[in-house]
Amino acid sequence: RREFDLESRTFVEDGYVLPESKSQIAWR
């Protein structure tokens, strides 16, 4: 899971990132 910026069309540097797993992540 990787955070992506829709305006700049890039993955966010130092953003939310999870390596391969069945982890769960959801926006607050």
mmCIF file of all heavy atoms, coordinates in Angstrom:
data_MODEL
# 
_entry.id   MODEL 
# 
loop_
_atom_site.group_PDB 
_atom_site.id 
_atom_site.type_symbol 
_atom_site.label_atom_id 
_atom_site.label_alt_id 
_atom_site.label_comp_id 
_atom_site.label_asym_id 
_atom_site.label_entity_id 
_atom_site.label_seq_id 
_atom_site.pdbx_PDB_ins_code 
_atom_site.Cartn_x 
_atom_site.Cartn_y 
_atom_site.Cartn_z 
_atom_site.occupancy 
_atom_site.B_iso_or_equiv 
_atom_site.pdbx_formal_charge 
_atom_site.auth_seq_id 
_atom_site.auth_comp_id 
_atom_site.auth_asym_id 
_atom_site.auth_atom_id 
_atom_site.pdbx_PDB_model_num 
ATOM 1   N N   . ARG A 1 1  ? 0.854   -1.192  0.000   1.00 0.00 ? 1  ARG A N   1 
ATOM 2   C CA  . ARG A 1 1  ? 0.000   0.000   0.000   1.00 0.00 ? 1  ARG A CA  1 
ATOM 3   C C   . ARG A 1 1  ? 0.889   1.240   0.000   1.00 0.00 ? 1  ARG A C   1 
ATOM 4   O O   . ARG A 1 1  ? 1.797   1.357   0.819   1.00 0.00 ? 1  ARG A O   1 
ATOM 5   C CB  . ARG A 1 1  ? -0.909  0.020   1.228   1.00 0.00 ? 1  ARG A CB  1 
ATOM 6   C CG  . ARG A 1 1  ? -1.755  -1.227  1.391   1.00 0.00 ? 1  ARG A CG  1 
ATOM 7   C CD  . ARG A 1 1  ? -2.880  -1.305  0.390   1.00 0.00 ? 1  ARG A CD  1 
ATOM 8   N NE  . ARG A 1 1  ? -3.567  -2.598  0.448   1.00 0.00 ? 1  ARG A NE  1 
ATOM 9   C CZ  . ARG A 1 1  ? -4.540  -2.973  -0.355  1.00 0.00 ? 1  ARG A CZ  1 
ATOM 10  N NH1 . ARG A 1 1  ? -4.956  -2.143  -1.299  1.00 0.00 ? 1  ARG A NH1 1 
ATOM 11  N NH2 . ARG A 1 1  ? -5.108  -4.157  -0.236  1.00 0.00 ? 1  ARG A NH2 1 
ATOM 12  N N   . ARG A 1 2  ? 0.614   2.165   -0.932  1.00 0.00 ? 2  ARG A N   1 
ATOM 13  C CA  . ARG A 1 2  ? 1.438   3.364   -1.058  1.00 0.00 ? 2  ARG A CA  1 
ATOM 14  C C   . ARG A 1 2  ? 0.553   4.585   -1.264  1.00 0.00 ? 2  ARG A C   1 
ATOM 15  O O   . ARG A 1 2  ? -0.414  4.550   -2.037  1.00 0.00 ? 2  ARG A O   1 
ATOM 16  C CB  . ARG A 1 2  ? 2.405   3.217   -2.238  1.00 0.00 ? 2  ARG A CB  1 
ATOM 17  C CG  . ARG A 1 2  ? 3.459   2.160   -1.995  1.00 0.00 ? 2  ARG A CG  1 
ATOM 18  C CD  . ARG A 1 2  ? 4.079   1.632   -3.274  1.00 0.00 ? 2  ARG A CD  1 
ATOM 19  N NE  . ARG A 1 2  ? 4.840   2.624   -4.005  1.00 0.00 ? 2  ARG A NE  1 
ATOM 20  C CZ  . ARG A 1 2  ? 5.550   2.341   -5.101  1.00 0.00 ? 2  ARG A CZ  1 
ATOM 21  N NH1 . ARG A 1 2  ? 5.600   1.093   -5.554  1.00 0.00 ? 2  ARG A NH1 1 
ATOM 22  N NH2 . ARG A 1 2  ? 6.209   3.290   -5.727  1.00 0.00 ? 2  ARG A NH2 1 
ATOM 23  N N   . GLU A 1 3  ? 0.907   5.688   -0.591  1.00 0.00 ? 3  GLU A N   1 
ATOM 24  C CA  . GLU A 1 3  ? 0.141   6.924   -0.715  1.00 0.00 ? 3  GLU A CA  1 
ATOM 25  C C   . GLU A 1 3  ? 0.471   7.617   -2.034  1.00 0.00 ? 3  GLU A C   1 
ATOM 26  O O   . GLU A 1 3  ? 1.639   7.752   -2.415  1.00 0.00 ? 3  GLU A O   1 
ATOM 27  C CB  . GLU A 1 3  ? 0.440   7.849   0.462   1.00 0.00 ? 3  GLU A CB  1 
ATOM 28  C CG  . GLU A 1 3  ? -0.404  9.111   0.467   1.00 0.00 ? 3  GLU A CG  1 
ATOM 29  C CD  . GLU A 1 3  ? -0.101  10.011  1.652   1.00 0.00 ? 3  GLU A CD  1 
ATOM 30  O OE1 . GLU A 1 3  ? 0.795   9.652   2.466   1.00 0.00 ? 3  GLU A OE1 1 
ATOM 31  O OE2 . GLU A 1 3  ? -0.744  11.078  1.756   1.00 0.00 ? 3  GLU A OE2 1 
ATOM 32  N N   . PHE A 1 4  ? -0.587  8.051   -2.707  1.00 0.00 ? 4  PHE A N   1 
ATOM 33  C CA  . PHE A 1 4  ? -0.438  8.650   -4.029  1.00 0.00 ? 4  PHE A CA  1 
ATOM 34  C C   . PHE A 1 4  ? -1.128  10.014  -4.042  1.00 0.00 ? 4  PHE A C   1 
ATOM 35  O O   . PHE A 1 4  ? -2.237  10.173  -3.533  1.00 0.00 ? 4  PHE A O   1 
ATOM 36  C CB  . PHE A 1 4  ? -1.070  7.737   -5.086  1.00 0.00 ? 4  PHE A CB  1 
ATOM 37  C CG  . PHE A 1 4  ? -0.855  8.165   -6.502  1.00 0.00 ? 4  PHE A CG  1 
ATOM 38  C CD1 . PHE A 1 4  ? 0.321   7.843   -7.166  1.00 0.00 ? 4  PHE A CD1 1 
ATOM 39  C CD2 . PHE A 1 4  ? -1.825  8.890   -7.183  1.00 0.00 ? 4  PHE A CD2 1 
ATOM 40  C CE1 . PHE A 1 4  ? 0.522   8.225   -8.484  1.00 0.00 ? 4  PHE A CE1 1 
ATOM 41  C CE2 . PHE A 1 4  ? -1.640  9.281   -8.500  1.00 0.00 ? 4  PHE A CE2 1 
ATOM 42  C CZ  . PHE A 1 4  ? -0.458  8.949   -9.151  1.00 0.00 ? 4  PHE A CZ  1 
ATOM 43  N N   . ASP A 1 5  ? -0.455  11.024  -4.620  1.00 0.00 ? 5  ASP A N   1 
ATOM 44  C CA  . ASP A 1 5  ? -0.986  12.377  -4.725  1.00 0.00 ? 5  ASP A CA  1 
ATOM 45  C C   . ASP A 1 5  ? -1.661  12.539  -6.089  1.00 0.00 ? 5  ASP A C   1 
ATOM 46  O O   . ASP A 1 5  ? -1.005  12.482  -7.130  1.00 0.00 ? 5  ASP A O   1 
ATOM 47  C CB  . ASP A 1 5  ? 0.140   13.397  -4.575  1.00 0.00 ? 5  ASP A CB  1 
ATOM 48  C CG  . ASP A 1 5  ? -0.367  14.826  -4.464  1.00 0.00 ? 5  ASP A CG  1 
ATOM 49  O OD1 . ASP A 1 5  ? -1.274  15.191  -5.231  1.00 0.00 ? 5  ASP A OD1 1 
ATOM 50  O OD2 . ASP A 1 5  ? 0.143   15.568  -3.604  1.00 0.00 ? 5  ASP A OD2 1 
ATOM 51  N N   . LEU A 1 6  ? -2.989  12.739  -6.088  1.00 0.00 ? 6  LEU A N   1 
ATOM 52  C CA  . LEU A 1 6  ? -3.718  12.830  -7.350  1.00 0.00 ? 6  LEU A CA  1 
ATOM 53  C C   . LEU A 1 6  ? -3.398  14.104  -8.120  1.00 0.00 ? 6  LEU A C   1 
ATOM 54  O O   . LEU A 1 6  ? -3.549  14.145  -9.342  1.00 0.00 ? 6  LEU A O   1 
ATOM 55  C CB  . LEU A 1 6  ? -5.227  12.762  -7.089  1.00 0.00 ? 6  LEU A CB  1 
ATOM 56  C CG  . LEU A 1 6  ? -5.852  11.366  -7.041  1.00 0.00 ? 6  LEU A CG  1 
ATOM 57  C CD1 . LEU A 1 6  ? -7.344  11.475  -6.775  1.00 0.00 ? 6  LEU A CD1 1 
ATOM 58  C CD2 . LEU A 1 6  ? -5.605  10.613  -8.334  1.00 0.00 ? 6  LEU A CD2 1 
ATOM 59  N N   . GLU A 1 7  ? -2.973  15.153  -7.435  1.00 0.00 ? 7  GLU A N   1 
ATOM 60  C CA  . GLU A 1 7  ? -2.681  16.404  -8.130  1.00 0.00 ? 7  GLU A CA  1 
ATOM 61  C C   . GLU A 1 7  ? -1.327  16.345  -8.835  1.00 0.00 ? 7  GLU A C   1 
ATOM 62  O O   . GLU A 1 7  ? -1.198  16.720  -9.999  1.00 0.00 ? 7  GLU A O   1 
ATOM 63  C CB  . GLU A 1 7  ? -2.729  17.565  -7.140  1.00 0.00 ? 7  GLU A CB  1 
ATOM 64  C CG  . GLU A 1 7  ? -4.121  17.798  -6.554  1.00 0.00 ? 7  GLU A CG  1 
ATOM 65  C CD  . GLU A 1 7  ? -4.145  18.914  -5.537  1.00 0.00 ? 7  GLU A CD  1 
ATOM 66  O OE1 . GLU A 1 7  ? -3.095  19.584  -5.352  1.00 0.00 ? 7  GLU A OE1 1 
ATOM 67  O OE2 . GLU A 1 7  ? -5.207  19.122  -4.923  1.00 0.00 ? 7  GLU A OE2 1 
ATOM 68  N N   . SER A 1 8  ? -0.302  15.855  -8.144  1.00 0.00 ? 8  SER A N   1 
ATOM 69  C CA  . SER A 1 8  ? 1.030   15.798  -8.749  1.00 0.00 ? 8  SER A CA  1 
ATOM 70  C C   . SER A 1 8  ? 1.259   14.510  -9.535  1.00 0.00 ? 8  SER A C   1 
ATOM 71  O O   . SER A 1 8  ? 2.248   14.396  -10.255 1.00 0.00 ? 8  SER A O   1 
ATOM 72  C CB  . SER A 1 8  ? 2.102   15.922  -7.662  1.00 0.00 ? 8  SER A CB  1 
ATOM 73  O OG  . SER A 1 8  ? 2.084   14.790  -6.798  1.00 0.00 ? 8  SER A OG  1 
ATOM 74  N N   . ARG A 1 9  ? 0.349   13.540  -9.381  1.00 0.00 ? 9  ARG A N   1 
ATOM 75  C CA  . ARG A 1 9  ? 0.458   12.235  -10.058 1.00 0.00 ? 9  ARG A CA  1 
ATOM 76  C C   . ARG A 1 9  ? 1.741   11.510  -9.659  1.00 0.00 ? 9  ARG A C   1 
ATOM 77  O O   . ARG A 1 9  ? 2.413   10.891  -10.482 1.00 0.00 ? 9  ARG A O   1 
ATOM 78  C CB  . ARG A 1 9  ? 0.410   12.394  -11.581 1.00 0.00 ? 9  ARG A CB  1 
ATOM 79  C CG  . ARG A 1 9  ? -0.803  13.148  -12.097 1.00 0.00 ? 9  ARG A CG  1 
ATOM 80  C CD  . ARG A 1 9  ? -2.077  12.363  -11.854 1.00 0.00 ? 9  ARG A CD  1 
ATOM 81  N NE  . ARG A 1 9  ? -3.258  13.113  -12.274 1.00 0.00 ? 9  ARG A NE  1 
ATOM 82  C CZ  . ARG A 1 9  ? -3.763  13.099  -13.515 1.00 0.00 ? 9  ARG A CZ  1 
ATOM 83  N NH1 . ARG A 1 9  ? -3.166  12.398  -14.453 1.00 0.00 ? 9  ARG A NH1 1 
ATOM 84  N NH2 . ARG A 1 9  ? -4.837  13.791  -13.800 1.00 0.00 ? 9  ARG A NH2 1 
ATOM 85  N N   . THR A 1 10 ? 2.073   11.588  -8.383  1.00 0.00 ? 10 THR A N   1 
ATOM 86  C CA  . THR A 1 10 ? 3.276   10.910  -7.893  1.00 0.00 ? 10 THR A CA  1 
ATOM 87  C C   . THR A 1 10 ? 2.974   10.229  -6.562  1.00 0.00 ? 10 THR A C   1 
ATOM 88  O O   . THR A 1 10 ? 2.064   10.635  -5.825  1.00 0.00 ? 10 THR A O   1 
ATOM 89  C CB  . THR A 1 10 ? 4.429   11.916  -7.667  1.00 0.00 ? 10 THR A CB  1 
ATOM 90  O OG1 . THR A 1 10 ? 4.003   12.908  -6.727  1.00 0.00 ? 10 THR A OG1 1 
ATOM 91  C CG2 . THR A 1 10 ? 4.850   12.566  -8.973  1.00 0.00 ? 10 THR A CG2 1 
ATOM 92  N N   . PHE A 1 11 ? 3.751   9.201   -6.281  1.00 0.00 ? 11 PHE A N   1 
ATOM 93  C CA  . PHE A 1 11 ? 3.693   8.606   -4.953  1.00 0.00 ? 11 PHE A CA  1 
ATOM 94  C C   . PHE A 1 11 ? 4.337   9.585   -3.972  1.00 0.00 ? 11 PHE A C   1 
ATOM 95  O O   . PHE A 1 11 ? 5.369   10.197  -4.266  1.00 0.00 ? 11 PHE A O   1 
ATOM 96  C CB  . PHE A 1 11 ? 4.407   7.255   -4.930  1.00 0.00 ? 11 PHE A CB  1 
ATOM 97  C CG  . PHE A 1 11 ? 3.646   6.182   -5.661  1.00 0.00 ? 11 PHE A CG  1 
ATOM 98  C CD1 . PHE A 1 11 ? 4.037   5.771   -6.933  1.00 0.00 ? 11 PHE A CD1 1 
ATOM 99  C CD2 . PHE A 1 11 ? 2.541   5.583   -5.085  1.00 0.00 ? 11 PHE A CD2 1 
ATOM 100 C CE1 . PHE A 1 11 ? 3.336   4.799   -7.616  1.00 0.00 ? 11 PHE A CE1 1 
ATOM 101 C CE2 . PHE A 1 11 ? 1.829   4.594   -5.759  1.00 0.00 ? 11 PHE A CE2 1 
ATOM 102 C CZ  . PHE A 1 11 ? 2.225   4.208   -7.028  1.00 0.00 ? 11 PHE A CZ  1 
ATOM 103 N N   . VAL A 1 12 ? 3.714   9.716   -2.812  1.00 0.00 ? 12 VAL A N   1 
ATOM 104 C CA  . VAL A 1 12 ? 4.121   10.737  -1.850  1.00 0.00 ? 12 VAL A CA  1 
ATOM 105 C C   . VAL A 1 12 ? 5.424   10.324  -1.167  1.00 0.00 ? 12 VAL A C   1 
ATOM 106 O O   . VAL A 1 12 ? 5.508   9.253   -0.551  1.00 0.00 ? 12 VAL A O   1 
ATOM 107 C CB  . VAL A 1 12 ? 3.026   10.964  -0.794  1.00 0.00 ? 12 VAL A CB  1 
ATOM 108 C CG1 . VAL A 1 12 ? 3.475   11.988  0.243   1.00 0.00 ? 12 VAL A CG1 1 
ATOM 109 C CG2 . VAL A 1 12 ? 1.726   11.406  -1.470  1.00 0.00 ? 12 VAL A CG2 1 
ATOM 110 N N   . GLU A 1 13 ? 6.422   11.157  -1.295  1.00 0.00 ? 13 GLU A N   1 
ATOM 111 C CA  . GLU A 1 13 ? 7.696   10.901  -0.624  1.00 0.00 ? 13 GLU A CA  1 
ATOM 112 C C   . GLU A 1 13 ? 7.484   10.980  0.885   1.00 0.00 ? 13 GLU A C   1 
ATOM 113 O O   . GLU A 1 13 ? 6.887   11.932  1.392   1.00 0.00 ? 13 GLU A O   1 
ATOM 114 C CB  . GLU A 1 13 ? 8.743   11.908  -1.072  1.00 0.00 ? 13 GLU A CB  1 
ATOM 115 C CG  . GLU A 1 13 ? 10.138  11.619  -0.542  1.00 0.00 ? 13 GLU A CG  1 
ATOM 116 C CD  . GLU A 1 13 ? 11.172  12.585  -1.089  1.00 0.00 ? 13 GLU A CD  1 
ATOM 117 O OE1 . GLU A 1 13 ? 10.814  13.417  -1.954  1.00 0.00 ? 13 GLU A OE1 1 
ATOM 118 O OE2 . GLU A 1 13 ? 12.335  12.505  -0.653  1.00 0.00 ? 13 GLU A OE2 1 
ATOM 119 N N   . ASP A 1 14 ? 7.945   9.969   1.597   1.00 0.00 ? 14 ASP A N   1 
ATOM 120 C CA  . ASP A 1 14 ? 7.764   9.882   3.048   1.00 0.00 ? 14 ASP A CA  1 
ATOM 121 C C   . ASP A 1 14 ? 6.286   9.831   3.438   1.00 0.00 ? 14 ASP A C   1 
ATOM 122 O O   . ASP A 1 14 ? 5.902   10.209  4.547   1.00 0.00 ? 14 ASP A O   1 
ATOM 123 C CB  . ASP A 1 14 ? 8.435   11.060  3.768   1.00 0.00 ? 14 ASP A CB  1 
ATOM 124 C CG  . ASP A 1 14 ? 9.940   11.087  3.548   1.00 0.00 ? 14 ASP A CG  1 
ATOM 125 O OD1 . ASP A 1 14 ? 10.527  9.989   3.469   1.00 0.00 ? 14 ASP A OD1 1 
ATOM 126 O OD2 . ASP A 1 14 ? 10.507  12.181  3.429   1.00 0.00 ? 14 ASP A OD2 1 
ATOM 127 N N   . GLY A 1 15 ? 5.453   9.368   2.492   1.00 0.00 ? 15 GLY A N   1 
ATOM 128 C CA  . GLY A 1 15 ? 4.027   9.231   2.784   1.00 0.00 ? 15 GLY A CA  1 
ATOM 129 C C   . GLY A 1 15 ? 3.720   7.900   3.440   1.00 0.00 ? 15 GLY A C   1 
ATOM 130 O O   . GLY A 1 15 ? 4.615   7.165   3.873   1.00 0.00 ? 15 GLY A O   1 
ATOM 131 N N   . TYR A 1 16 ? 2.454   7.575   3.521   1.00 0.00 ? 16 TYR A N   1 
ATOM 132 C CA  . TYR A 1 16 ? 2.043   6.300   4.103   1.00 0.00 ? 16 TYR A CA  1 
ATOM 133 C C   . TYR A 1 16 ? 2.410   5.159   3.154   1.00 0.00 ? 16 TYR A C   1 
ATOM 134 O O   . TYR A 1 16 ? 1.999   5.154   1.984   1.00 0.00 ? 16 TYR A O   1 
ATOM 135 C CB  . TYR A 1 16 ? 0.544   6.287   4.367   1.00 0.00 ? 16 TYR A CB  1 
ATOM 136 C CG  . TYR A 1 16 ? 0.116   7.231   5.466   1.00 0.00 ? 16 TYR A CG  1 
ATOM 137 C CD1 . TYR A 1 16 ? -0.638  8.365   5.186   1.00 0.00 ? 16 TYR A CD1 1 
ATOM 138 C CD2 . TYR A 1 16 ? 0.484   6.986   6.787   1.00 0.00 ? 16 TYR A CD2 1 
ATOM 139 C CE1 . TYR A 1 16 ? -1.025  9.232   6.191   1.00 0.00 ? 16 TYR A CE1 1 
ATOM 140 C CE2 . TYR A 1 16 ? 0.103   7.850   7.804   1.00 0.00 ? 16 TYR A CE2 1 
ATOM 141 C CZ  . TYR A 1 16 ? -0.648  8.973   7.501   1.00 0.00 ? 16 TYR A CZ  1 
ATOM 142 O OH  . TYR A 1 16 ? -1.018  9.823   8.506   1.00 0.00 ? 16 TYR A OH  1 
ATOM 143 N N   . VAL A 1 17 ? 3.197   4.208   3.651   1.00 0.00 ? 17 VAL A N   1 
ATOM 144 C CA  . VAL A 1 17 ? 3.619   3.051   2.860   1.00 0.00 ? 17 VAL A CA  1 
ATOM 145 C C   . VAL A 1 17 ? 3.590   1.817   3.755   1.00 0.00 ? 17 VAL A C   1 
ATOM 146 O O   . VAL A 1 17 ? 4.078   1.852   4.887   1.00 0.00 ? 17 VAL A O   1 
ATOM 147 C CB  . VAL A 1 17 ? 5.047   3.238   2.292   1.00 0.00 ? 17 VAL A CB  1 
ATOM 148 C CG1 . VAL A 1 17 ? 5.489   1.974   1.550   1.00 0.00 ? 17 VAL A CG1 1 
ATOM 149 C CG2 . VAL A 1 17 ? 5.108   4.445   1.368   1.00 0.00 ? 17 VAL A CG2 1 
ATOM 150 N N   . LEU A 1 18 ? 3.002   0.736   3.237   1.00 0.00 ? 18 LEU A N   1 
ATOM 151 C CA  . LEU A 1 18 ? 3.032   -0.552  3.926   1.00 0.00 ? 18 LEU A CA  1 
ATOM 152 C C   . LEU A 1 18 ? 3.614   -1.595  2.988   1.00 0.00 ? 18 LEU A C   1 
ATOM 153 O O   . LEU A 1 18 ? 3.177   -1.696  1.837   1.00 0.00 ? 18 LEU A O   1 
ATOM 154 C CB  . LEU A 1 18 ? 1.624   -0.981  4.350   1.00 0.00 ? 18 LEU A CB  1 
ATOM 155 C CG  . LEU A 1 18 ? 0.936   -0.148  5.443   1.00 0.00 ? 18 LEU A CG  1 
ATOM 156 C CD1 . LEU A 1 18 ? -0.477  -0.669  5.669   1.00 0.00 ? 18 LEU A CD1 1 
ATOM 157 C CD2 . LEU A 1 18 ? 1.739   -0.199  6.731   1.00 0.00 ? 18 LEU A CD2 1 
ATOM 158 N N   . PRO A 1 19 ? 4.590   -2.377  3.429   1.00 0.00 ? 19 PRO A N   1 
ATOM 159 C CA  . PRO A 1 19 ? 5.112   -3.461  2.593   1.00 0.00 ? 19 PRO A CA  1 
ATOM 160 C C   . PRO A 1 19 ? 4.072   -4.555  2.414   1.00 0.00 ? 19 PRO A C   1 
ATOM 161 O O   . PRO A 1 19 ? 3.009   -4.537  3.052   1.00 0.00 ? 19 PRO A O   1 
ATOM 162 C CB  . PRO A 1 19 ? 6.323   -3.952  3.382   1.00 0.00 ? 19 PRO A CB  1 
ATOM 163 C CG  . PRO A 1 19 ? 6.075   -3.538  4.785   1.00 0.00 ? 19 PRO A CG  1 
ATOM 164 C CD  . PRO A 1 19 ? 5.276   -2.279  4.728   1.00 0.00 ? 19 PRO A CD  1 
ATOM 165 N N   . GLU A 1 20 ? 4.377   -5.513  1.539   1.00 0.00 ? 20 GLU A N   1 
ATOM 166 C CA  . GLU A 1 20 ? 3.424   -6.575  1.197   1.00 0.00 ? 20 GLU A CA  1 
ATOM 167 C C   . GLU A 1 20 ? 2.921   -7.290  2.452   1.00 0.00 ? 20 GLU A C   1 
ATOM 168 O O   . GLU A 1 20 ? 3.703   -7.800  3.249   1.00 0.00 ? 20 GLU A O   1 
ATOM 169 C CB  . GLU A 1 20 ? 4.064   -7.595  0.257   1.00 0.00 ? 20 GLU A CB  1 
ATOM 170 C CG  . GLU A 1 20 ? 3.082   -8.658  -0.203  1.00 0.00 ? 20 GLU A CG  1 
ATOM 171 C CD  . GLU A 1 20 ? 3.730   -9.738  -1.049  1.00 0.00 ? 20 GLU A CD  1 
ATOM 172 O OE1 . GLU A 1 20 ? 4.931   -10.003 -0.851  1.00 0.00 ? 20 GLU A OE1 1 
ATOM 173 O OE2 . GLU A 1 20 ? 3.035   -10.326 -1.889  1.00 0.00 ? 20 GLU A OE2 1 
ATOM 174 N N   . SER A 1 21 ? 1.616   -7.303  2.611   1.00 0.00 ? 21 SER A N   1 
ATOM 175 C CA  . SER A 1 21 ? 0.993   -7.945  3.766   1.00 0.00 ? 21 SER A CA  1 
ATOM 176 C C   . SER A 1 21 ? -0.514  -7.884  3.586   1.00 0.00 ? 21 SER A C   1 
ATOM 177 O O   . SER A 1 21 ? -1.029  -7.293  2.634   1.00 0.00 ? 21 SER A O   1 
ATOM 178 C CB  . SER A 1 21 ? 1.382   -7.231  5.069   1.00 0.00 ? 21 SER A CB  1 
ATOM 179 O OG  . SER A 1 21 ? 0.831   -5.923  5.092   1.00 0.00 ? 21 SER A OG  1 
ATOM 180 N N   . LYS A 1 22 ? -1.235  -8.487  4.527   1.00 0.00 ? 22 LYS A N   1 
ATOM 181 C CA  . LYS A 1 22 ? -2.689  -8.361  4.575   1.00 0.00 ? 22 LYS A CA  1 
ATOM 182 C C   . LYS A 1 22 ? -3.094  -7.310  5.607   1.00 0.00 ? 22 LYS A C   1 
ATOM 183 O O   . LYS A 1 22 ? -4.202  -7.350  6.154   1.00 0.00 ? 22 LYS A O   1 
ATOM 184 C CB  . LYS A 1 22 ? -3.342  -9.705  4.880   1.00 0.00 ? 22 LYS A CB  1 
ATOM 185 C CG  . LYS A 1 22 ? -3.196  -10.714 3.756   1.00 0.00 ? 22 LYS A CG  1 
ATOM 186 C CD  . LYS A 1 22 ? -3.976  -11.988 4.039   1.00 0.00 ? 22 LYS A CD  1 
ATOM 187 C CE  . LYS A 1 22 ? -3.846  -12.983 2.888   1.00 0.00 ? 22 LYS A CE  1 
ATOM 188 N NZ  . LYS A 1 22 ? -4.611  -14.223 3.139   1.00 0.00 ? 22 LYS A NZ  1 
ATOM 189 N N   . SER A 1 23 ? -2.209  -6.354  5.837   1.00 0.00 ? 23 SER A N   1 
ATOM 190 C CA  . SER A 1 23 ? -2.512  -5.257  6.747   1.00 0.00 ? 23 SER A CA  1 
ATOM 191 C C   . SER A 1 23 ? -3.671  -4.424  6.204   1.00 0.00 ? 23 SER A C   1 
ATOM 192 O O   . SER A 1 23 ? -3.955  -4.425  5.006   1.00 0.00 ? 23 SER A O   1 
ATOM 193 C CB  . SER A 1 23 ? -1.282  -4.364  6.937   1.00 0.00 ? 23 SER A CB  1 
ATOM 194 O OG  . SER A 1 23 ? -0.205  -5.081  7.497   1.00 0.00 ? 23 SER A OG  1 
ATOM 195 N N   . GLN A 1 24 ? -4.317  -3.688  7.118   1.00 0.00 ? 24 GLN A N   1 
ATOM 196 C CA  . GLN A 1 24 ? -5.439  -2.831  6.750   1.00 0.00 ? 24 GLN A CA  1 
ATOM 197 C C   . GLN A 1 24 ? -5.078  -1.392  7.028   1.00 0.00 ? 24 GLN A C   1 
ATOM 198 O O   . GLN A 1 24 ? -4.466  -1.068  8.052   1.00 0.00 ? 24 GLN A O   1 
ATOM 199 C CB  . GLN A 1 24 ? -6.690  -3.241  7.545   1.00 0.00 ? 24 GLN A CB  1 
ATOM 200 C CG  . GLN A 1 24 ? -7.956  -2.539  7.133   1.00 0.00 ? 24 GLN A CG  1 
ATOM 201 C CD  . GLN A 1 24 ? -8.345  -1.386  8.053   1.00 0.00 ? 24 GLN A CD  1 
ATOM 202 O OE1 . GLN A 1 24 ? -7.745  -1.173  9.099   1.00 0.00 ? 24 GLN A OE1 1 
ATOM 203 N NE2 . GLN A 1 24 ? -9.342  -0.613  7.654   1.00 0.00 ? 24 GLN A NE2 1 
ATOM 204 N N   . ILE A 1 25 ? -5.418  -0.506  6.098   1.00 0.00 ? 25 ILE A N   1 
ATOM 205 C CA  . ILE A 1 25 ? -5.161  0.917   6.279   1.00 0.00 ? 25 ILE A CA  1 
ATOM 206 C C   . ILE A 1 25 ? -6.331  1.682   5.687   1.00 0.00 ? 25 ILE A C   1 
ATOM 207 O O   . ILE A 1 25 ? -6.830  1.343   4.615   1.00 0.00 ? 25 ILE A O   1 
ATOM 208 C CB  . ILE A 1 25 ? -3.812  1.332   5.633   1.00 0.00 ? 25 ILE A CB  1 
ATOM 209 C CG1 . ILE A 1 25 ? -3.503  2.797   5.943   1.00 0.00 ? 25 ILE A CG1 1 
ATOM 210 C CG2 . ILE A 1 25 ? -3.783  1.036   4.157   1.00 0.00 ? 25 ILE A CG2 1 
ATOM 211 C CD1 . ILE A 1 25 ? -2.082  3.221   5.540   1.00 0.00 ? 25 ILE A CD1 1 
ATOM 212 N N   . ALA A 1 26 ? -6.822  2.700   6.423   1.00 0.00 ? 26 ALA A N   1 
ATOM 213 C CA  . ALA A 1 26 ? -7.981  3.467   5.974   1.00 0.00 ? 26 ALA A CA  1 
ATOM 214 C C   . ALA A 1 26 ? -7.851  4.909   6.437   1.00 0.00 ? 26 ALA A C   1 
ATOM 215 O O   . ALA A 1 26 ? -7.390  5.184   7.551   1.00 0.00 ? 26 ALA A O   1 
ATOM 216 C CB  . ALA A 1 26 ? -9.269  2.845   6.522   1.00 0.00 ? 26 ALA A CB  1 
ATOM 217 N N   . TRP A 1 27 ? -8.293  5.832   5.598   1.00 0.00 ? 27 TRP A N   1 
ATOM 218 C CA  . TRP A 1 27 ? -8.177  7.260   5.898   1.00 0.00 ? 27 TRP A CA  1 
ATOM 219 C C   . TRP A 1 27 ? -9.043  7.670   7.085   1.00 0.00 ? 27 TRP A C   1 
ATOM 220 O O   . TRP A 1 27 ? -10.185 7.235   7.214   1.00 0.00 ? 27 TRP A O   1 
ATOM 221 C CB  . TRP A 1 27 ? -8.607  8.096   4.692   1.00 0.00 ? 27 TRP A CB  1 
ATOM 222 C CG  . TRP A 1 27 ? -7.667  8.068   3.533   1.00 0.00 ? 27 TRP A CG  1 
ATOM 223 C CD1 . TRP A 1 27 ? -7.862  7.438   2.338   1.00 0.00 ? 27 TRP A CD1 1 
ATOM 224 C CD2 . TRP A 1 27 ? -6.389  8.704   3.446   1.00 0.00 ? 27 TRP A CD2 1 
ATOM 225 N NE1 . TRP A 1 27 ? -6.790  7.637   1.514   1.00 0.00 ? 27 TRP A NE1 1 
ATOM 226 C CE2 . TRP A 1 27 ? -5.866  8.416   2.170   1.00 0.00 ? 27 TRP A CE2 1 
ATOM 227 C CE3 . TRP A 1 27 ? -5.635  9.485   4.323   1.00 0.00 ? 27 TRP A CE3 1 
ATOM 228 C CZ2 . TRP A 1 27 ? -4.631  8.875   1.742   1.00 0.00 ? 27 TRP A CZ2 1 
ATOM 229 C CZ3 . TRP A 1 27 ? -4.398  9.947   3.898   1.00 0.00 ? 27 TRP A CZ3 1 
ATOM 230 C CH2 . TRP A 1 27 ? -3.902  9.647   2.623   1.00 0.00 ? 27 TRP A CH2 1 
ATOM 231 N N   . ARG A 1 28 ? -8.482  8.529   7.947   1.00 0.00 ? 28 ARG A N   1 
ATOM 232 C CA  . ARG A 1 28 ? -9.270  9.309   8.900   1.00 0.00 ? 28 ARG A CA  1 
ATOM 233 C C   . ARG A 1 28 ? -9.345  10.744  8.386   1.00 0.00 ? 28 ARG A C   1 
ATOM 234 O O   . ARG A 1 28 ? -10.399 11.260  8.105   1.00 0.00 ? 28 ARG A O   1 
ATOM 235 C CB  . ARG A 1 28 ? -8.643  9.276   10.298  1.00 0.00 ? 28 ARG A CB  1 
ATOM 236 C CG  . ARG A 1 28 ? -8.677  7.901   10.964  1.00 0.00 ? 28 ARG A CG  1 
ATOM 237 C CD  . ARG A 1 28 ? -8.105  7.946   12.375  1.00 0.00 ? 28 ARG A CD  1 
ATOM 238 N NE  . ARG A 1 28 ? -9.014  8.582   13.325  1.00 0.00 ? 28 ARG A NE  1 
ATOM 239 C CZ  . ARG A 1 28 ? -8.726  9.706   13.998  1.00 0.00 ? 28 ARG A CZ  1 
ATOM 240 N NH1 . ARG A 1 28 ? -7.560  10.316  13.829  1.00 0.00 ? 28 ARG A NH1 1 
ATOM 241 N NH2 . ARG A 1 28 ? -9.601  10.221  14.848  1.00 0.00 ? 28 ARG A NH2 1 
# 
